Amino acid sequence: MVKSTVPLLALLLGLCLAGCQTRTGPKVLKIANGVSEQHPTCLASKKLEALVEARLPGKYDIQVYANAQLGDDVRATENVRMGTLEMVATSASPLTGLVPELNVFDLPFIVPNEKAADCICDGPVGDRLAAALESKGIKLLAYYENGFRQLTNSVREVRSPDDLRRLKIRTMQNAIHLDAFRAMGANPTPMPFSEVFTALQQKTIDGQENPIPTIWLSKFYEAQKYVTLTNHVYGPHILLINKKLWESFPPGDREIITDAVKESVVYQRTINRKMNKDLVDELRKAGVIVAELTADEIKAFRDAVAPVVDNWEPKIGKTIVDEFKAAAERCE
């Protein structure tokens, strides 16, 4: 009687496969940041790294890159969409070509305060904008906070649109921002962020506009004597991941990562808002004259840019603008 060799062959094959398999390491997830290592958004990326690696040990290797090491916001965002980069924390501007409704964040004075910003980002409006990105191959994981943009200059204290007359102010290459500063009387001058400090030092521009943490961390106060707390535009930092990559993760991992992201959002907004308050005092200590505007002074700026809002509303979409305003009013 001839014994079957099938069980023996199966055993040998299994042993061979087990011996020949190569051990795979953790999945590398690079997060691109355009901001400095000390910025709250970069700190939140590192917080996310620590949370995920602690809760899913050995499965993911999150690597955080600051100072646009992996490309500026536009390039890094496109790389995430194409799948050549895993994640990015970016401003909304590079996404407006994909989802024009995201231009709503650039409308001047549409977000009145931080409470309203949270209601917008964490509610149905934020969910709607996130869903629109998914059809473009990008998964929005979180709305971090860049914050309210403030004005600095080296010429004079600015408390009204008249004070802005003829001042050469650096802005982003953003059509709404350009229109808004023209309406307020300034001469807006688009320029890459990397060139701003030198341009301020050499006085080829008179001023610029950014959130307080960026103003401080970039040391703009060394070349700028005046800061005006205008709160003219609120901007998020949006944490994105390639959609196909996200969907390749096991459901349990996605749930754990989502919870970690939520914790990092609370952490990021908390330190960003504390930094906003604390660094205004530091600017004053550094010799900067900080103008805090009255309600009437803010109204003068709002009135100056009202035609800009009216002009851009139909281009962005009246529905999303109305939803934005309604969410802000509910929480104000």
C-alpha atoms as a PDB file:
ATOM      1  CA  MET A   1       0.000   0.000   0.000  1.00  0.00           C
ATOM      2  CA  VAL A   2       1.425   3.420  -1.042  1.00  0.00           C
ATOM      3  CA  LYS A   3       0.915   6.174   1.514  1.00  0.00           C
ATOM      4  CA  SER A   4      -0.239   9.550   0.253  1.00  0.00           C
ATOM      5  CA  THR A   5       2.484  12.185   0.164  1.00  0.00           C
ATOM      6  CA  VAL A   6       0.020  15.107   0.062  1.00  0.00           C
ATOM      7  CA  PRO A   7       0.025  15.874   3.819  1.00  0.00           C
ATOM      8  CA  LEU A   8       3.834  15.719   3.896  1.00  0.00           C
ATOM      9  CA  LEU A   9       4.166  18.012   0.864  1.00  0.00           C
ATOM     10  CA  ALA A  10       1.687  20.465   2.372  1.00  0.00           C
ATOM     11  CA  LEU A  11       3.673  20.521   5.596  1.00  0.00           C
ATOM     12  CA  LEU A  12       6.962  21.103   3.768  1.00  0.00           C
ATOM     13  CA  LEU A  13       5.401  23.837   1.634  1.00  0.00           C
ATOM     14  CA  GLY A  14       4.025  25.589   4.720  1.00  0.00           C
ATOM     15  CA  LEU A  15       7.414  25.448   6.434  1.00  0.00           C
ATOM     16  CA  CYS A  16       9.088  26.827   3.318  1.00  0.00           C
ATOM     17  CA  LEU A  17       6.640  29.695   3.010  1.00  0.00           C
ATOM     18  CA  ALA A  18       7.000  30.524   6.685  1.00  0.00           C
ATOM     19  CA  GLY A  19      10.775  30.534   6.377  1.00  0.00           C
ATOM     20  CA  CYS A  20      10.791  32.547   3.167  1.00  0.00           C
ATOM     21  CA  GLN A  21       8.403  35.278   4.302  1.00  0.00           C
ATOM     22  CA  THR A  22      10.024  38.605   5.020  1.00  0.00           C
ATOM     23  CA  ARG A  23       8.962  40.529   8.068  1.00  0.00           C
ATOM     24  CA  THR A  24       7.349  43.828   7.170  1.00  0.00           C
ATOM     25  CA  GLY A  25       7.934  46.900   9.282  1.00  0.00           C
ATOM     26  CA  PRO A  26       5.392  49.508  10.371  1.00  0.00           C
ATOM     27  CA  LYS A  27       3.526  51.539   7.770  1.00  0.00           C
ATOM     28  CA  VAL A  28       5.286  54.875   7.300  1.00  0.00           C
ATOM     29  CA  LEU A  29       2.982  57.902   7.335  1.00  0.00           C
ATOM     30  CA  LYS A  30       4.722  61.198   6.589  1.00  0.00           C
ATOM     31  CA  ILE A  31       2.939  64.396   7.622  1.00  0.00           C
ATOM     32  CA  ALA A  32       4.026  67.540   5.770  1.00  0.00           C
ATOM     33  CA  ASN A  33       3.793  70.863   7.606  1.00  0.00           C
ATOM     34  CA  GLY A  34       4.604  74.235   6.097  1.00  0.00           C
ATOM     35  CA  VAL A  35       4.921  75.845   9.524  1.00  0.00           C
ATOM     36  CA  SER A  36       7.808  75.805  12.009  1.00  0.00           C
ATOM     37  CA  GLU A  37       8.406  73.038  14.534  1.00  0.00           C
ATOM     38  CA  GLN A  38       7.123  75.287  17.328  1.00  0.00           C
ATOM     39  CA  HIS A  39       3.822  76.083  15.631  1.00  0.00           C
ATOM     40  CA  PRO A  40       0.718  74.536  17.273  1.00  0.00           C
ATOM     41  CA  THR A  41      -0.145  72.646  14.076  1.00  0.00           C
ATOM     42  CA  CYS A  42       3.242  70.951  13.952  1.00  0.00           C
ATOM     43  CA  LEU A  43       3.043  70.246  17.692  1.00  0.00           C
ATOM     44  CA  ALA A  44      -0.379  68.656  17.119  1.00  0.00           C
ATOM     45  CA  SER A  45       1.074  66.485  14.347  1.00  0.00           C
ATOM     46  CA  LYS A  46       3.679  65.251  16.819  1.00  0.00           C
ATOM     47  CA  LYS A  47       0.945  64.694  19.407  1.00  0.00           C
ATOM     48  CA  LEU A  48      -0.918  62.569  16.856  1.00  0.00           C
ATOM     49  CA  GLU A  49       2.288  60.648  16.166  1.00  0.00           C
ATOM     50  CA  ALA A  50       2.703  59.818  19.853  1.00  0.00           C
ATOM     51  CA  LEU A  51      -0.947  58.805  20.342  1.00  0.00           C
ATOM     52  CA  VAL A  52      -1.180  56.525  17.295  1.00  0.00           C
ATOM     53  CA  GLU A  53       2.166  54.821  17.859  1.00  0.00           C
ATOM     54  CA  ALA A  54       1.270  54.185  21.511  1.00  0.00           C
ATOM     55  CA  ARG A  55      -2.171  52.746  20.720  1.00  0.00           C
ATOM     56  CA  LEU A  56      -1.141  50.774  17.632  1.00  0.00           C
ATOM     57  CA  PRO A  57       2.413  49.750  18.556  1.00  0.00           C
ATOM     58  CA  GLY A  58       4.540  48.541  15.676  1.00  0.00           C
ATOM     59  CA  LYS A  59       1.866  49.162  13.034  1.00  0.00           C
ATOM     60  CA  TYR A  60       2.479  52.778  12.019  1.00  0.00           C
ATOM     61  CA  ASP A  61       5.565  54.947  11.892  1.00  0.00           C
ATOM     62  CA  ILE A  62       4.357  58.552  11.732  1.00  0.00           C
ATOM     63  CA  GLN A  63       7.031  61.017  10.661  1.00  0.00           C
ATOM     64  CA  VAL A  64       6.404  64.751  11.068  1.00  0.00           C
ATOM     65  CA  TYR A  65       8.164  67.241   8.791  1.00  0.00           C
ATOM     66  CA  ALA A  66       8.142  71.016   9.417  1.00  0.00           C
ATOM     67  CA  ASN A  67       9.200  74.129   7.499  1.00  0.00           C
ATOM     68  CA  ALA A  68       7.924  72.856   4.127  1.00  0.00           C
ATOM     69  CA  GLN A  69      10.649  70.189   3.973  1.00  0.00           C
ATOM     70  CA  LEU A  70       8.331  68.049   1.840  1.00  0.00           C
ATOM     71  CA  GLY A  71       7.178  70.975  -0.290  1.00  0.00           C
ATOM     72  CA  ASP A  72       4.959  74.000   0.251  1.00  0.00           C
ATOM     73  CA  ASP A  73       1.246  73.590   0.954  1.00  0.00           C
ATOM     74  CA  VAL A  74       0.302  73.481  -2.727  1.00  0.00           C
ATOM     75  CA  ARG A  75       2.875  70.870  -3.698  1.00  0.00           C
ATOM     76  CA  ALA A  76       2.413  68.724  -0.601  1.00  0.00           C
ATOM     77  CA  THR A  77      -1.368  68.743  -0.967  1.00  0.00           C
ATOM     78  CA  GLU A  78      -1.151  67.655  -4.591  1.00  0.00           C
ATOM     79  CA  ASN A  79       1.282  64.891  -3.628  1.00  0.00           C
ATOM     80  CA  VAL A  80      -1.190  63.600  -1.036  1.00  0.00           C
ATOM     81  CA  ARG A  81      -3.911  63.611  -3.663  1.00  0.00           C
ATOM     82  CA  MET A  82      -1.678  61.697  -6.093  1.00  0.00           C
ATOM     83  CA  GLY A  83      -0.639  59.208  -3.421  1.00  0.00           C
ATOM     84  CA  THR A  84       3.092  60.033  -3.405  1.00  0.00           C
ATOM     85  CA  LEU A  85       2.795  61.542   0.096  1.00  0.00           C
ATOM     86  CA  GLU A  86       0.642  60.173   2.884  1.00  0.00           C
ATOM     87  CA  MET A  87      -0.536  63.239   4.846  1.00  0.00           C
ATOM     88  CA  VAL A  88      -0.378  67.024   5.000  1.00  0.00           C
ATOM     89  CA  ALA A  89      -1.541  69.784   7.347  1.00  0.00           C
ATOM     90  CA  THR A  90      -2.340  72.684   5.024  1.00  0.00           C
ATOM     91  CA  SER A  91      -4.251  75.912   4.792  1.00  0.00           C
ATOM     92  CA  ALA A  92      -7.500  75.822   2.831  1.00  0.00           C
ATOM     93  CA  SER A  93      -6.148  77.848  -0.102  1.00  0.00           C
ATOM     94  CA  PRO A  94      -4.493  74.958  -2.030  1.00  0.00           C
ATOM     95  CA  LEU A  95      -7.821  73.119  -1.953  1.00  0.00           C
ATOM     96  CA  THR A  96     -10.037  75.824  -3.419  1.00  0.00           C
ATOM     97  CA  GLY A  97      -9.297  74.695  -6.967  1.00  0.00           C
ATOM     98  CA  LEU A  98     -10.738  71.293  -6.069  1.00  0.00           C
ATOM     99  CA  VAL A  99     -13.592  72.544  -3.893  1.00  0.00           C
ATOM    100  CA  PRO A 100     -14.375  76.213  -4.669  1.00  0.00           C
ATOM    101  CA  GLU A 101     -16.711  76.374  -1.660  1.00  0.00           C
ATOM    102  CA  LEU A 102     -13.630  76.358   0.569  1.00  0.00           C
ATOM    103  CA  ASN A 103     -13.080  79.951  -0.566  1.00  0.00           C
ATOM    104  CA  VAL A 104     -15.704  80.826   2.032  1.00  0.00           C
ATOM    105  CA  PHE A 105     -12.989  80.800   4.703  1.00  0.00           C
ATOM    106  CA  ASP A 106     -11.263  83.685   2.895  1.00  0.00           C
ATOM    107  CA  LEU A 107     -14.225  86.049   3.030  1.00  0.00           C
ATOM    108  CA  PRO A 108     -13.272  88.923   5.355  1.00  0.00           C
ATOM    109  CA  PHE A 109     -14.970  89.070   8.770  1.00  0.00           C
ATOM    110  CA  ILE A 110     -17.305  86.124   8.055  1.00  0.00           C
ATOM    111  CA  VAL A 111     -16.103  84.305  11.194  1.00  0.00           C
ATOM    112  CA  PRO A 112     -16.624  86.570  14.222  1.00  0.00           C
ATOM    113  CA  ASN A 113     -14.875  84.612  16.974  1.00  0.00           C
ATOM    114  CA  GLU A 114     -13.338  81.285  18.018  1.00  0.00           C
ATOM    115  CA  LYS A 115     -16.619  79.834  19.293  1.00  0.00           C
ATOM    116  CA  ALA A 116     -18.235  80.435  15.916  1.00  0.00           C
ATOM    117  CA  ALA A 117     -15.184  78.926  14.190  1.00  0.00           C
ATOM    118  CA  ASP A 118     -15.621  75.717  16.197  1.00  0.00           C
ATOM    119  CA  CYS A 119     -19.318  75.527  15.345  1.00  0.00           C
ATOM    120  CA  ILE A 120     -18.552  75.929  11.648  1.00  0.00           C
ATOM    121  CA  CYS A 121     -15.680  73.440  11.455  1.00  0.00           C
ATOM    122  CA  ASP A 122     -17.141  70.811  13.787  1.00  0.00           C
ATOM    123  CA  GLY A 123     -20.712  70.980  12.508  1.00  0.00           C
ATOM    124  CA  PRO A 124     -22.646  70.234   9.310  1.00  0.00           C
ATOM    125  CA  VAL A 125     -20.797  72.919   7.313  1.00  0.00           C
ATOM    126  CA  GLY A 126     -17.415  71.379   8.088  1.00  0.00           C
ATOM    127  CA  ASP A 127     -18.775  67.909   7.302  1.00  0.00           C
ATOM    128  CA  ARG A 128     -20.135  69.102   3.954  1.00  0.00           C
ATOM    129  CA  LEU A 129     -16.784  70.561   2.905  1.00  0.00           C
ATOM    130  CA  ALA A 130     -14.999  67.392   4.023  1.00  0.00           C
ATOM    131  CA  ALA A 131     -17.357  65.224   1.970  1.00  0.00           C
ATOM    132  CA  ALA A 132     -16.684  67.343  -1.121  1.00  0.00           C
ATOM    133  CA  LEU A 133     -12.966  66.603  -0.809  1.00  0.00           C
ATOM    134  CA  GLU A 134     -13.465  62.833  -0.756  1.00  0.00           C
ATOM    135  CA  SER A 135     -14.562  62.795  -4.390  1.00  0.00           C
ATOM    136  CA  LYS A 136     -11.160  64.336  -5.164  1.00  0.00           C
ATOM    137  CA  GLY A 137      -9.249  61.483  -3.562  1.00  0.00           C
ATOM    138  CA  ILE A 138      -8.559  63.206  -0.243  1.00  0.00           C
ATOM    139  CA  LYS A 139      -9.846  62.345   3.222  1.00  0.00           C
ATOM    140  CA  LEU A 140     -10.168  65.263   5.632  1.00  0.00           C
ATOM    141  CA  LEU A 141      -9.258  64.028   9.094  1.00  0.00           C
ATOM    142  CA  ALA A 142      -9.382  67.252  11.093  1.00  0.00           C
ATOM    143  CA  TYR A 143      -9.769  70.979  11.171  1.00  0.00           C
ATOM    144  CA  TYR A 144      -6.824  72.304  13.102  1.00  0.00           C
ATOM    145  CA  GLU A 145      -6.595  76.056  13.528  1.00  0.00           C
ATOM    146  CA  ASN A 146      -4.368  78.580  11.823  1.00  0.00           C
ATOM    147  CA  GLY A 147      -6.453  81.285  13.440  1.00  0.00           C
ATOM    148  CA  PHE A 148      -7.376  84.897  12.892  1.00  0.00           C
ATOM    149  CA  ARG A 149      -5.092  86.927  10.671  1.00  0.00           C
ATOM    150  CA  GLN A 150      -3.730  90.211  12.044  1.00  0.00           C
ATOM    151  CA  LEU A 151      -1.986  93.147  10.380  1.00  0.00           C
ATOM    152  CA  THR A 152       1.576  94.347  10.970  1.00  0.00           C
ATOM    153  CA  ASN A 153       3.470  97.261   9.461  1.00  0.00           C
ATOM    154  CA  SER A 154       6.519  99.462   9.990  1.00  0.00           C
ATOM    155  CA  VAL A 155       5.015 102.851   9.042  1.00  0.00           C
ATOM    156  CA  ARG A 156       2.202 103.840  11.418  1.00  0.00           C
ATOM    157  CA  GLU A 157      -0.472 102.628  13.782  1.00  0.00           C
ATOM    158  CA  VAL A 158      -3.479 101.377  11.820  1.00  0.00           C
ATOM    159  CA  ARG A 159      -6.912 101.811  13.384  1.00  0.00           C
ATOM    160  CA  SER A 160      -9.030 102.561  10.289  1.00  0.00           C
ATOM    161  CA  PRO A 161      -9.073 101.888   6.541  1.00  0.00           C
ATOM    162  CA  ASP A 162      -7.759 105.426   6.048  1.00  0.00           C
ATOM    163  CA  ASP A 163      -4.623 104.453   7.974  1.00  0.00           C
ATOM    164  CA  LEU A 164      -4.001 101.699   5.431  1.00  0.00           C
ATOM    165  CA  ARG A 165      -3.886 104.073   2.464  1.00  0.00           C
ATOM    166  CA  ARG A 166      -0.956 103.369   0.165  1.00  0.00           C
ATOM    167  CA  LEU A 167       0.675 100.878   2.542  1.00  0.00           C
ATOM    168  CA  LYS A 168       2.301  98.006   0.661  1.00  0.00           C
ATOM    169  CA  ILE A 169       1.009  94.898   2.440  1.00  0.00           C
ATOM    170  CA  ARG A 170       2.150  91.384   1.633  1.00  0.00           C
ATOM    171  CA  THR A 171      -0.722  88.931   1.180  1.00  0.00           C
ATOM    172  CA  MET A 172      -1.061  85.404  -0.071  1.00  0.00           C
ATOM    173  CA  GLN A 173      -1.676  84.920  -3.790  1.00  0.00           C
ATOM    174  CA  ASN A 174      -5.405  84.831  -3.086  1.00  0.00           C
ATOM    175  CA  ALA A 175      -7.894  86.814  -5.151  1.00  0.00           C
ATOM    176  CA  ILE A 176     -10.280  87.454  -2.258  1.00  0.00           C
ATOM    177  CA  HIS A 177      -7.488  88.717   0.003  1.00  0.00           C
ATOM    178  CA  LEU A 178      -6.229  90.978  -2.758  1.00  0.00           C
ATOM    179  CA  ASP A 179      -9.695  92.424  -3.333  1.00  0.00           C
ATOM    180  CA  ALA A 180     -10.246  92.930   0.398  1.00  0.00           C
ATOM    181  CA  PHE A 181      -7.011  94.837   0.967  1.00  0.00           C
ATOM    182  CA  ARG A 182      -7.590  97.001  -2.088  1.00  0.00           C
ATOM    183  CA  ALA A 183     -11.045  97.809  -0.708  1.00  0.00           C
ATOM    184  CA  MET A 184      -9.443  98.806   2.592  1.00  0.00           C
ATOM    185  CA  GLY A 185      -7.105 101.176   0.773  1.00  0.00           C
ATOM    186  CA  ALA A 186      -3.856  99.200   0.894  1.00  0.00           C
ATOM    187  CA  ASN A 187      -1.577  98.153  -1.934  1.00  0.00           C
ATOM    188  CA  PRO A 188      -1.641  94.336  -1.590  1.00  0.00           C
ATOM    189  CA  THR A 189       1.512  92.610  -2.766  1.00  0.00           C
ATOM    190  CA  PRO A 190       1.510  88.812  -3.184  1.00  0.00           C
ATOM    191  CA  MET A 191       4.780  87.177  -2.205  1.00  0.00           C
ATOM    192  CA  PRO A 192       5.992  83.683  -1.198  1.00  0.00           C
ATOM    193  CA  PHE A 193       6.056  83.367   2.582  1.00  0.00           C
ATOM    194  CA  SER A 194       9.739  82.423   2.537  1.00  0.00           C
ATOM    195  CA  GLU A 195      10.587  85.892   1.170  1.00  0.00           C
ATOM    196  CA  VAL A 196       8.532  87.964   3.608  1.00  0.00           C
ATOM    197  CA  PHE A 197      11.038  88.505   6.431  1.00  0.00           C
ATOM    198  CA  THR A 198      13.754  89.781   4.108  1.00  0.00           C
ATOM    199  CA  ALA A 199      11.280  92.024   2.297  1.00  0.00           C
ATOM    200  CA  LEU A 200      10.175  93.519   5.631  1.00  0.00           C
ATOM    201  CA  GLN A 201      13.775  94.095   6.685  1.00  0.00           C
ATOM    202  CA  GLN A 202      14.661  95.755   3.393  1.00  0.00           C
ATOM    203  CA  LYS A 203      11.370  97.704   3.440  1.00  0.00           C
ATOM    204  CA  THR A 204      10.401  96.623  -0.051  1.00  0.00           C
ATOM    205  CA  ILE A 205       7.024  96.049   1.625  1.00  0.00           C
ATOM    206  CA  ASP A 206       5.532  97.975   4.539  1.00  0.00           C
ATOM    207  CA  GLY A 207       3.743  95.136   6.244  1.00  0.00           C
ATOM    208  CA  GLN A 208       2.069  91.746   6.122  1.00  0.00           C
ATOM    209  CA  GLU A 209      -0.851  89.841   7.661  1.00  0.00           C
ATOM    210  CA  ASN A 210      -0.783  86.533   9.518  1.00  0.00           C
ATOM    211  CA  PRO A 211      -1.980  84.982  12.776  1.00  0.00           C
ATOM    212  CA  ILE A 212      -0.106  86.019  15.926  1.00  0.00           C
ATOM    213  CA  PRO A 213       1.788  82.700  16.382  1.00  0.00           C
ATOM    214  CA  THR A 214       3.179  83.018  12.840  1.00  0.00           C
ATOM    215  CA  ILE A 215       4.097  86.671  13.405  1.00  0.00           C
ATOM    216  CA  TRP A 216       5.992  85.743  16.571  1.00  0.00           C
ATOM    217  CA  LEU A 217       7.634  82.520  15.432  1.00  0.00           C
ATOM    218  CA  SER A 218       8.764  84.187  12.182  1.00  0.00           C
ATOM    219  CA  LYS A 219      10.223  87.110  14.201  1.00  0.00           C
ATOM    220  CA  PHE A 220       8.413  89.674  12.075  1.00  0.00           C
ATOM    221  CA  TYR A 221       8.407  91.934  15.152  1.00  0.00           C
ATOM    222  CA  GLU A 222      12.102  92.560  14.513  1.00  0.00           C
ATOM    223  CA  ALA A 223      11.141  94.525  11.385  1.00  0.00           C
ATOM    224  CA  GLN A 224       7.626  95.692  12.296  1.00  0.00           C
ATOM    225  CA  LYS A 225       6.745  98.306  14.897  1.00  0.00           C
ATOM    226  CA  TYR A 226       2.951  98.104  14.692  1.00  0.00           C
ATOM    227  CA  VAL A 227       0.428  95.281  15.048  1.00  0.00           C
ATOM    228  CA  THR A 228      -3.315  95.747  14.598  1.00  0.00           C
ATOM    229  CA  LEU A 229      -5.635  93.034  15.902  1.00  0.00           C
ATOM    230  CA  THR A 230      -8.100  93.132  13.019  1.00  0.00           C
ATOM    231  CA  ASN A 231      -9.245  89.473  13.033  1.00  0.00           C
ATOM    232  CA  HIS A 232     -10.040  90.093   9.366  1.00  0.00           C
ATOM    233  CA  VAL A 233      -9.870  86.451   8.200  1.00  0.00           C
ATOM    234  CA  TYR A 234     -10.114  83.165  10.087  1.00  0.00           C
ATOM    235  CA  GLY A 235      -8.246  80.243   8.566  1.00  0.00           C
ATOM    236  CA  PRO A 236      -8.130  76.557   9.438  1.00  0.00           C
ATOM    237  CA  HIS A 237      -5.224  74.211   9.051  1.00  0.00           C
ATOM    238  CA  ILE A 238      -6.692  71.097   7.461  1.00  0.00           C
ATOM    239  CA  LEU A 239      -5.234  67.656   8.172  1.00  0.00           C
ATOM    240  CA  LEU A 240      -5.522  65.460   5.070  1.00  0.00           C
ATOM    241  CA  ILE A 241      -4.664  61.883   4.130  1.00  0.00           C
ATOM    242  CA  ASN A 242      -4.803  60.100   0.789  1.00  0.00           C
ATOM    243  CA  LYS A 243      -8.285  58.542   0.580  1.00  0.00           C
ATOM    244  CA  LYS A 244      -7.232  55.195  -0.882  1.00  0.00           C
ATOM    245  CA  LEU A 245      -4.539  54.858   1.749  1.00  0.00           C
ATOM    246  CA  TRP A 246      -7.033  55.625   4.505  1.00  0.00           C
ATOM    247  CA  GLU A 247      -9.478  53.056   3.194  1.00  0.00           C
ATOM    248  CA  SER A 248      -6.708  50.429   3.108  1.00  0.00           C
ATOM    249  CA  PHE A 249      -6.350  50.563   6.901  1.00  0.00           C
ATOM    250  CA  PRO A 250      -8.275  47.981   8.952  1.00  0.00           C
ATOM    251  CA  PRO A 251     -11.553  49.419  10.319  1.00  0.00           C
ATOM    252  CA  GLY A 252     -10.332  49.034  13.888  1.00  0.00           C
ATOM    253  CA  ASP A 253      -7.197  51.016  13.103  1.00  0.00           C
ATOM    254  CA  ARG A 254      -9.228  53.765  11.458  1.00  0.00           C
ATOM    255  CA  GLU A 255     -11.357  54.057  14.580  1.00  0.00           C
ATOM    256  CA  ILE A 256      -8.299  54.335  16.831  1.00  0.00           C
ATOM    257  CA  ILE A 257      -6.631  56.876  14.544  1.00  0.00           C
ATOM    258  CA  THR A 258      -9.854  58.918  14.358  1.00  0.00           C
ATOM    259  CA  ASP A 259     -10.028  59.083  18.155  1.00  0.00           C
ATOM    260  CA  ALA A 260      -6.363  60.134  18.293  1.00  0.00           C
ATOM    261  CA  VAL A 261      -7.021  62.841  15.701  1.00  0.00           C
ATOM    262  CA  LYS A 262      -9.884  64.231  17.796  1.00  0.00           C
ATOM    263  CA  GLU A 263      -7.585  64.461  20.810  1.00  0.00           C
ATOM    264  CA  SER A 264      -4.949  66.217  18.729  1.00  0.00           C
ATOM    265  CA  VAL A 265      -7.553  68.767  17.566  1.00  0.00           C
ATOM    266  CA  VAL A 266      -8.438  69.737  21.136  1.00  0.00           C
ATOM    267  CA  TYR A 267      -4.733  69.942  21.948  1.00  0.00           C
ATOM    268  CA  GLN A 268      -3.941  72.055  18.883  1.00  0.00           C
ATOM    269  CA  ARG A 269      -6.728  74.580  19.304  1.00  0.00           C
ATOM    270  CA  THR A 270      -6.024  74.934  23.029  1.00  0.00           C
ATOM    271  CA  ILE A 271      -2.340  75.743  22.605  1.00  0.00           C
ATOM    272  CA  ASN A 272      -2.985  77.895  19.532  1.00  0.00           C
ATOM    273  CA  ARG A 273      -5.452  80.071  21.446  1.00  0.00           C
ATOM    274  CA  LYS A 274      -3.226  80.295  24.496  1.00  0.00           C
ATOM    275  CA  MET A 275      -0.324  81.237  22.253  1.00  0.00           C
ATOM    276  CA  ASN A 276      -2.442  83.930  20.591  1.00  0.00           C
ATOM    277  CA  LYS A 277      -3.090  85.565  23.952  1.00  0.00           C
ATOM    278  CA  ASP A 278       0.338  85.096  25.479  1.00  0.00           C
ATOM    279  CA  LEU A 279       2.276  86.238  22.437  1.00  0.00           C
ATOM    280  CA  VAL A 280       0.416  89.541  22.190  1.00  0.00           C
ATOM    281  CA  ASP A 281       1.950  90.345  25.588  1.00  0.00           C
ATOM    282  CA  GLU A 282       5.347  89.187  24.323  1.00  0.00           C
ATOM    283  CA  LEU A 283       5.053  91.458  21.297  1.00  0.00           C
ATOM    284  CA  ARG A 284       4.396  94.395  23.589  1.00  0.00           C
ATOM    285  CA  LYS A 285       7.420  93.443  25.702  1.00  0.00           C
ATOM    286  CA  ALA A 286       9.467  93.401  22.492  1.00  0.00           C
ATOM    287  CA  GLY A 287       8.519  97.042  21.891  1.00  0.00           C
ATOM    288  CA  VAL A 288       5.715  96.514  19.379  1.00  0.00           C
ATOM    289  CA  ILE A 289       2.717  98.868  19.543  1.00  0.00           C
ATOM    290  CA  VAL A 290      -0.386  96.640  19.537  1.00  0.00           C
ATOM    291  CA  ALA A 291      -3.711  98.228  18.565  1.00  0.00           C
ATOM    292  CA  GLU A 292      -6.849  96.514  19.866  1.00  0.00           C
ATOM    293  CA  LEU A 293      -9.769  97.857  17.870  1.00  0.00           C
ATOM    294  CA  THR A 294     -13.107  99.006  19.244  1.00  0.00           C
ATOM    295  CA  ALA A 295     -16.382  97.683  17.847  1.00  0.00           C
ATOM    296  CA  ASP A 296     -16.851 100.892  15.841  1.00  0.00           C
ATOM    297  CA  GLU A 297     -13.337 100.649  14.399  1.00  0.00           C
ATOM    298  CA  ILE A 298     -13.915  97.048  13.335  1.00  0.00           C
ATOM    299  CA  LYS A 299     -17.218  98.075  11.755  1.00  0.00           C
ATOM    300  CA  ALA A 300     -15.355 100.581   9.583  1.00  0.00           C
ATOM    301  CA  PHE A 301     -13.204  97.779   8.175  1.00  0.00           C
ATOM    302  CA  ARG A 302     -16.221  95.504   7.725  1.00  0.00           C
ATOM    303  CA  ASP A 303     -18.083  98.244   5.848  1.00  0.00           C
ATOM    304  CA  ALA A 304     -15.071  98.794   3.580  1.00  0.00           C
ATOM    305  CA  VAL A 305     -14.967  95.146   2.479  1.00  0.00           C
ATOM    306  CA  ALA A 306     -18.735  94.572   2.286  1.00  0.00           C
ATOM    307  CA  PRO A 307     -18.738  95.006  -1.538  1.00  0.00           C
ATOM    308  CA  VAL A 308     -16.004  92.335  -1.768  1.00  0.00           C
ATOM    309  CA  VAL A 309     -18.180  89.864   0.151  1.00  0.00           C
ATOM    310  CA  ASP A 310     -21.176  90.704  -2.049  1.00  0.00           C
ATOM    311  CA  ASN A 311     -19.093  90.218  -5.208  1.00  0.00           C
ATOM    312  CA  TRP A 312     -17.621  86.877  -4.164  1.00  0.00           C
ATOM    313  CA  GLU A 313     -20.727  85.339  -2.624  1.00  0.00           C
ATOM    314  CA  PRO A 314     -22.263  84.097  -5.914  1.00  0.00           C
ATOM    315  CA  LYS A 315     -18.860  82.832  -7.097  1.00  0.00           C
ATOM    316  CA  ILE A 316     -18.371  80.728  -3.979  1.00  0.00           C
ATOM    317  CA  GLY A 317     -22.007  79.713  -3.687  1.00  0.00           C
ATOM    318  CA  LYS A 318     -24.727  81.562  -1.803  1.00  0.00           C
ATOM    319  CA  THR A 319     -25.837  78.365  -0.068  1.00  0.00           C
ATOM    320  CA  ILE A 320     -22.514  77.656   1.638  1.00  0.00           C
ATOM    321  CA  VAL A 321     -22.047  81.344   2.527  1.00  0.00           C
ATOM    322  CA  ASP A 322     -25.513  81.457   4.106  1.00  0.00           C
ATOM    323  CA  GLU A 323     -24.805  78.222   6.006  1.00  0.00           C
ATOM    324  CA  PHE A 324     -21.512  79.686   7.206  1.00  0.00           C
ATOM    325  CA  LYS A 325     -23.188  82.856   8.440  1.00  0.00           C
ATOM    326  CA  ALA A 326     -26.041  80.940  10.090  1.00  0.00           C
ATOM    327  CA  ALA A 327     -23.643  78.646  11.952  1.00  0.00           C
ATOM    328  CA  ALA A 328     -21.655  81.651  13.148  1.00  0.00           C
ATOM    329  CA  GLU A 329     -24.776  83.469  14.342  1.00  0.00           C
ATOM    330  CA  ARG A 330     -26.027  80.407  16.255  1.00  0.00           C
ATOM    331  CA  CYS A 331     -22.802  80.205  18.234  1.00  0.00           C
ATOM    332  CA  GLU A 332     -21.825  83.843  18.531  1.00  0.00           C
END
